[in-house]
Amino acid sequence: MQQFESLRASSLYCKKCSTAMPVREKLLLVLPDKEIYDYLCTGCASSLGQREVTAGELMMSRAQMARQAATSRLGF
């Protein structure tokens, strides 16, 4: 399903905190074909996982944001 192609975690289980914790994304690496992000626990700053975004996904999300901005300017 296309709606699940670009999921972002808002909370993940942290072993140090022993509970699900809110996370923040930190950009780790920018490559020609993708970007790699690290999920960090907001409580203890432990790394809880990574997310890769391909160049195609980046282009699609930027195009969608541009469409949404244009629509909001028109008042729809």
N, C-alpha and C. Protein backbone atom coordinates (compact mmCIF):
# COMPACT_ATOMS: atom_id res chain seq x y z
N MET A 1 0.83 -1.19 0.00
CA MET A 1 0.00 0.00 0.00
C MET A 1 0.87 1.25 0.00
N GLN A 2 0.52 2.19 -0.82
CA GLN A 2 1.33 3.39 -0.97
C GLN A 2 1.33 4.26 0.29
N GLN A 3 0.25 4.25 1.04
CA GLN A 3 0.17 5.12 2.22
C GLN A 3 1.15 4.72 3.31
N PHE A 4 1.69 3.49 3.28
CA PHE A 4 2.61 3.04 4.30
C PHE A 4 4.06 3.05 3.85
N GLU A 5 4.36 3.59 2.68
CA GLU A 5 5.73 3.59 2.18
C GLU A 5 6.66 4.49 2.98
N SER A 6 6.16 5.54 3.56
CA SER A 6 7.04 6.47 4.27
C SER A 6 6.60 6.65 5.72
N LEU A 7 6.58 5.55 6.46
CA LEU A 7 6.21 5.62 7.87
C LEU A 7 7.34 6.22 8.70
N ARG A 8 6.96 6.97 9.69
CA ARG A 8 7.92 7.53 10.65
C ARG A 8 7.47 7.11 12.04
N ALA A 9 8.42 6.66 12.84
CA ALA A 9 8.10 6.25 14.21
C ALA A 9 7.97 7.48 15.10
N SER A 10 6.98 7.46 15.98
CA SER A 10 6.84 8.54 16.96
C SER A 10 7.31 8.07 18.33
N SER A 11 7.24 6.76 18.58
CA SER A 11 7.78 6.19 19.82
C SER A 11 8.24 4.76 19.55
N LEU A 12 9.28 4.36 20.26
CA LEU A 12 9.85 3.02 20.15
C LEU A 12 10.22 2.54 21.54
N TYR A 13 10.32 1.22 21.71
CA TYR A 13 10.70 0.66 23.00
C TYR A 13 12.18 0.91 23.25
N CYS A 14 12.50 1.42 24.43
CA CYS A 14 13.89 1.67 24.84
C CYS A 14 14.25 0.70 25.96
N LYS A 15 15.32 -0.09 25.75
CA LYS A 15 15.75 -1.05 26.77
C LYS A 15 16.25 -0.35 28.03
N LYS A 16 16.96 0.76 27.87
CA LYS A 16 17.47 1.48 29.05
C LYS A 16 16.35 2.06 29.90
N CYS A 17 15.35 2.63 29.26
CA CYS A 17 14.23 3.24 29.98
C CYS A 17 13.16 2.21 30.35
N SER A 18 13.22 1.02 29.76
CA SER A 18 12.27 -0.08 30.00
C SER A 18 10.83 0.27 29.68
N THR A 19 10.64 1.11 28.69
CA THR A 19 9.29 1.48 28.26
C THR A 19 9.35 2.07 26.85
N ALA A 20 8.20 2.20 26.23
CA ALA A 20 8.14 2.88 24.94
C ALA A 20 8.35 4.37 25.18
N MET A 21 9.25 4.95 24.43
CA MET A 21 9.60 6.36 24.61
C MET A 21 9.42 7.12 23.31
N PRO A 22 9.09 8.41 23.39
CA PRO A 22 9.07 9.23 22.18
C PRO A 22 10.48 9.28 21.60
N VAL A 23 10.57 9.38 20.29
CA VAL A 23 11.87 9.43 19.62
C VAL A 23 11.98 10.68 18.77
N ARG A 24 13.23 11.05 18.48
CA ARG A 24 13.47 12.13 17.52
C ARG A 24 14.39 11.57 16.45
N GLU A 25 14.24 12.10 15.25
CA GLU A 25 15.07 11.66 14.12
C GLU A 25 16.30 12.53 14.02
N LYS A 26 17.41 11.90 13.75
CA LYS A 26 18.66 12.62 13.52
C LYS A 26 19.23 12.16 12.19
N LEU A 27 19.51 13.09 11.30
CA LEU A 27 20.08 12.75 10.01
C LEU A 27 21.52 12.28 10.21
N LEU A 28 21.80 11.05 9.79
CA LEU A 28 23.13 10.48 9.96
C LEU A 28 24.00 10.64 8.73
N LEU A 29 23.42 10.34 7.56
CA LEU A 29 24.22 10.25 6.35
C LEU A 29 23.39 10.61 5.14
N VAL A 30 23.98 11.41 4.24
CA VAL A 30 23.34 11.75 2.98
C VAL A 30 24.17 11.13 1.87
N LEU A 31 23.54 10.24 1.11
CA LEU A 31 24.17 9.59 -0.03
C LEU A 31 23.47 10.02 -1.30
N PRO A 32 24.07 9.80 -2.47
CA PRO A 32 23.41 10.22 -3.71
C PRO A 32 22.03 9.59 -3.93
N ASP A 33 21.83 8.37 -3.45
CA ASP A 33 20.57 7.69 -3.70
C ASP A 33 19.66 7.56 -2.48
N LYS A 34 20.13 7.97 -1.29
CA LYS A 34 19.28 7.86 -0.09
C LYS A 34 19.84 8.69 1.05
N GLU A 35 18.99 8.86 2.07
CA GLU A 35 19.38 9.50 3.32
C GLU A 35 19.11 8.51 4.44
N ILE A 36 19.98 8.48 5.45
CA ILE A 36 19.82 7.56 6.57
C ILE A 36 19.62 8.39 7.84
N TYR A 37 18.54 8.07 8.56
CA TYR A 37 18.19 8.75 9.80
C TYR A 37 18.31 7.79 10.97
N ASP A 38 18.66 8.28 12.14
CA ASP A 38 18.75 7.50 13.36
C ASP A 38 17.62 7.94 14.29
N TYR A 39 16.96 6.98 14.94
CA TYR A 39 15.95 7.30 15.93
C TYR A 39 16.60 7.31 17.30
N LEU A 40 16.47 8.43 18.03
CA LEU A 40 17.06 8.58 19.36
C LEU A 40 15.97 8.71 20.41
N CYS A 41 16.15 8.01 21.53
CA CYS A 41 15.23 8.10 22.66
C CYS A 41 15.31 9.51 23.24
N THR A 42 14.16 10.11 23.53
CA THR A 42 14.16 11.45 24.10
C THR A 42 14.50 11.44 25.59
N GLY A 43 14.45 10.26 26.22
CA GLY A 43 14.78 10.17 27.64
C GLY A 43 16.26 10.00 27.90
N CYS A 44 16.91 9.08 27.19
CA CYS A 44 18.31 8.77 27.48
C CYS A 44 19.23 8.95 26.28
N ALA A 45 18.70 9.32 25.14
CA ALA A 45 19.46 9.58 23.91
C ALA A 45 20.08 8.32 23.30
N SER A 46 19.58 7.13 23.68
CA SER A 46 20.07 5.89 23.06
C SER A 46 19.54 5.78 21.64
N SER A 47 20.33 5.16 20.78
CA SER A 47 19.89 4.88 19.42
C SER A 47 18.94 3.70 19.46
N LEU A 48 17.73 3.88 18.91
CA LEU A 48 16.71 2.83 18.95
C LEU A 48 16.42 2.23 17.59
N GLY A 49 17.01 2.76 16.54
CA GLY A 49 16.78 2.22 15.20
C GLY A 49 17.15 3.22 14.14
N GLN A 50 17.01 2.79 12.88
CA GLN A 50 17.34 3.65 11.75
C GLN A 50 16.24 3.58 10.71
N ARG A 51 16.21 4.60 9.87
CA ARG A 51 15.26 4.68 8.76
C ARG A 51 16.01 5.17 7.54
N GLU A 52 15.80 4.51 6.40
CA GLU A 52 16.41 4.93 5.14
C GLU A 52 15.33 5.50 4.24
N VAL A 53 15.64 6.63 3.62
CA VAL A 53 14.73 7.27 2.69
C VAL A 53 15.44 7.32 1.34
N THR A 54 14.84 6.68 0.33
CA THR A 54 15.46 6.67 -0.99
C THR A 54 15.21 7.99 -1.71
N ALA A 55 15.98 8.22 -2.77
CA ALA A 55 15.85 9.46 -3.54
C ALA A 55 14.45 9.60 -4.13
N GLY A 56 13.87 8.50 -4.57
CA GLY A 56 12.52 8.54 -5.12
C GLY A 56 11.50 8.97 -4.09
N GLU A 57 11.62 8.45 -2.88
CA GLU A 57 10.71 8.83 -1.80
C GLU A 57 10.86 10.31 -1.45
N LEU A 58 12.11 10.80 -1.45
CA LEU A 58 12.35 12.21 -1.17
C LEU A 58 11.68 13.10 -2.20
N MET A 59 11.83 12.73 -3.47
CA MET A 59 11.22 13.52 -4.54
C MET A 59 9.71 13.53 -4.42
N MET A 60 9.11 12.36 -4.11
CA MET A 60 7.66 12.28 -3.98
C MET A 60 7.15 13.10 -2.79
N SER A 61 7.84 13.05 -1.67
CA SER A 61 7.38 13.79 -0.49
C SER A 61 7.52 15.29 -0.70
N ARG A 62 8.58 15.72 -1.37
CA ARG A 62 8.75 17.15 -1.65
C ARG A 62 7.70 17.65 -2.62
N ALA A 63 7.34 16.83 -3.62
CA ALA A 63 6.30 17.22 -4.57
C ALA A 63 4.95 17.31 -3.86
N GLN A 64 4.69 16.38 -2.95
CA GLN A 64 3.44 16.40 -2.20
C GLN A 64 3.35 17.64 -1.30
N MET A 65 4.46 18.00 -0.65
CA MET A 65 4.47 19.20 0.19
C MET A 65 4.24 20.45 -0.65
N ALA A 66 4.80 20.49 -1.86
CA ALA A 66 4.60 21.64 -2.73
C ALA A 66 3.13 21.74 -3.15
N ARG A 67 2.50 20.60 -3.45
CA ARG A 67 1.07 20.61 -3.81
C ARG A 67 0.22 21.08 -2.64
N GLN A 68 0.55 20.63 -1.43
CA GLN A 68 -0.22 21.03 -0.25
C GLN A 68 -0.06 22.53 0.01
N ALA A 69 1.15 23.06 -0.19
CA ALA A 69 1.39 24.48 0.01
C ALA A 69 0.60 25.29 -1.01
N ALA A 70 0.58 24.84 -2.25
CA ALA A 70 -0.16 25.55 -3.29
C ALA A 70 -1.66 25.53 -3.00
N THR A 71 -2.14 24.39 -2.52
CA THR A 71 -3.56 24.27 -2.20
C THR A 71 -3.93 25.17 -1.03
N SER A 72 -3.09 25.25 -0.03
CA SER A 72 -3.41 26.10 1.13
C SER A 72 -3.36 27.58 0.76
N ARG A 73 -2.49 27.95 -0.17
CA ARG A 73 -2.45 29.35 -0.62
C ARG A 73 -3.71 29.73 -1.37
N LEU A 74 -4.31 28.73 -2.06
CA LEU A 74 -5.53 29.00 -2.81
C LEU A 74 -6.77 28.98 -1.93
N GLY A 75 -6.60 28.51 -0.68
CA GLY A 75 -7.71 28.53 0.25
C GLY A 75 -8.60 27.32 0.20
N PHE A 76 -8.13 26.20 -0.32
CA PHE A 76 -8.94 24.98 -0.38
C PHE A 76 -8.83 24.18 0.86
